[in-house]
């Protein structure tokens, strides 16, 4: 039974490569809540308009993405080859290609 604790979660024992602590989860959750409330208030209360509102919304989204990766996906804790990071980068490249291609197609179809 004592060995079971050392081999849980993919064979990581103790603090070596394990998951985050409760403190890290609470901090990540609090930051996520703040980064969710800010864009809601900017949009609903009309604090900012135009380009400045878009910059705040996109900035909050990027920060929210980083918080999710660091606090909940444990991207910074990976040892050895960074397969999760490489997979993430490939996914981002594919998503950006699809979004940019869709925008390009819609912009060129609107001319006709």
Protein backbone atom coordinates (compact mmCIF):
# COMPACT_ATOMS: atom_id res chain seq x y z
CA UNK A 1 0.00 0.00 0.00
CA UNK A 2 2.82 2.45 0.75
CA UNK A 3 4.17 2.07 -2.79
CA UNK A 4 0.82 3.00 -4.33
CA UNK A 5 1.23 6.64 -3.25
CA UNK A 6 4.60 6.87 -4.99
CA UNK A 7 3.26 5.58 -8.29
CA UNK A 8 0.02 7.55 -8.49
CA UNK A 9 -0.48 10.07 -11.28
CA UNK A 10 1.85 8.56 -13.84
CA UNK A 11 4.58 7.39 -11.48
CA UNK A 12 5.45 10.78 -10.01
CA UNK A 13 6.20 10.58 -6.33
CA UNK A 14 6.37 13.35 -3.78
CA UNK A 15 6.94 16.85 -5.11
CA UNK A 16 8.88 15.63 -8.15
CA UNK A 17 6.70 16.34 -11.19
CA UNK A 18 3.49 16.17 -9.15
CA UNK A 19 0.45 18.34 -9.42
CA UNK A 20 0.03 21.79 -7.93
CA UNK A 21 -0.78 22.52 -4.33
CA UNK A 22 -4.09 23.82 -3.04
CA UNK A 23 -2.48 27.26 -2.67
CA UNK A 24 -1.52 27.29 -6.37
CA UNK A 25 -5.04 26.26 -7.40
CA UNK A 26 -6.63 28.95 -5.24
CA UNK A 27 -4.27 31.62 -6.61
CA UNK A 28 -4.93 30.49 -10.18
CA UNK A 29 -8.68 30.45 -9.56
CA UNK A 30 -8.63 33.96 -8.04
CA UNK A 31 -6.61 35.35 -10.95
CA UNK A 32 -8.99 33.65 -13.40
CA UNK A 33 -12.00 35.21 -11.69
CA UNK A 34 -10.40 38.66 -11.82
CA UNK A 35 -9.46 38.22 -15.48
CA UNK A 36 -13.07 37.24 -16.20
CA UNK A 37 -14.68 40.10 -14.27
CA UNK A 38 -12.53 42.85 -15.84
CA UNK A 39 -13.73 42.30 -19.45
CA UNK A 40 -17.32 41.87 -18.26
CA UNK A 41 -17.21 45.22 -16.48
CA UNK A 42 -15.48 46.93 -19.40
CA UNK A 43 -18.18 45.69 -21.78
CA UNK A 44 -21.25 46.06 -19.55
CA UNK A 45 -20.40 49.38 -17.89
CA UNK A 46 -18.95 50.97 -21.01
CA UNK A 47 -15.76 52.00 -19.22
CA UNK A 48 -13.79 51.86 -22.46
CA UNK A 49 -14.80 52.09 -26.09
CA UNK A 50 -13.31 51.23 -29.46
CA UNK A 51 -9.72 50.13 -29.73
CA UNK A 52 -8.92 50.50 -26.03
CA UNK A 53 -11.79 48.15 -25.11
CA UNK A 54 -10.62 45.59 -27.67
CA UNK A 55 -7.05 45.81 -26.33
CA UNK A 56 -8.28 45.19 -22.76
CA UNK A 57 -10.48 42.27 -23.86
CA UNK A 58 -7.73 40.61 -25.89
CA UNK A 59 -5.15 41.27 -23.17
CA UNK A 60 -7.39 39.69 -20.54
CA UNK A 61 -7.96 36.69 -22.82
CA UNK A 62 -4.22 36.17 -23.36
CA UNK A 63 -3.53 36.48 -19.63
CA UNK A 64 -6.38 34.07 -18.89
CA UNK A 65 -4.83 31.60 -21.35
CA UNK A 66 -1.45 31.90 -19.62
CA UNK A 67 -3.00 31.43 -16.16
CA UNK A 68 -4.81 28.29 -17.33
CA UNK A 69 -1.59 26.85 -18.76
CA UNK A 70 0.60 27.65 -15.78
CA UNK A 71 -1.72 27.01 -12.83
CA UNK A 72 -4.06 24.28 -14.09
CA UNK A 73 -2.33 22.54 -17.02
CA UNK A 74 1.02 22.46 -15.14
CA UNK A 75 2.98 23.45 -18.24
CA UNK A 76 5.87 24.85 -16.19
CA UNK A 77 6.31 21.62 -14.20
CA UNK A 78 7.11 19.36 -17.13
CA UNK A 79 10.48 17.63 -16.93
CA UNK A 80 12.44 16.35 -19.88
CA UNK A 81 11.21 16.83 -23.45
CA UNK A 82 8.49 19.45 -23.65
CA UNK A 83 5.93 17.39 -25.56
CA UNK A 84 2.99 19.28 -24.07
CA UNK A 85 4.52 22.61 -25.09
CA UNK A 86 5.22 21.39 -28.62
CA UNK A 87 1.67 20.07 -28.93
CA UNK A 88 0.31 23.37 -27.64
CA UNK A 89 2.35 25.37 -30.16
CA UNK A 90 1.15 23.14 -33.00
CA UNK A 91 -2.44 23.60 -31.86
CA UNK A 92 -2.01 27.38 -31.74
CA UNK A 93 -0.51 27.41 -35.25
CA UNK A 94 -3.43 25.35 -36.57
CA UNK A 95 -6.01 27.54 -34.81
CA UNK A 96 -4.41 30.78 -36.05
CA UNK A 97 -4.25 29.37 -39.58
CA UNK A 98 -7.93 28.41 -39.50
CA UNK A 99 -9.05 31.76 -38.05
CA UNK A 100 -6.85 33.83 -40.39
CA UNK A 101 -7.95 31.77 -43.39
CA UNK A 102 -11.61 32.13 -42.44
CA UNK A 103 -11.26 35.90 -42.05
CA UNK A 104 -9.47 36.13 -45.40
CA UNK A 105 -12.17 34.08 -47.13
CA UNK A 106 -14.99 36.14 -45.59
CA UNK A 107 -13.27 39.42 -46.49
CA UNK A 108 -12.82 38.38 -50.12
CA UNK A 109 -16.35 36.98 -50.47
CA UNK A 110 -17.82 40.25 -49.21
CA UNK A 111 -16.49 42.07 -52.28
CA UNK A 112 -18.82 40.22 -54.67
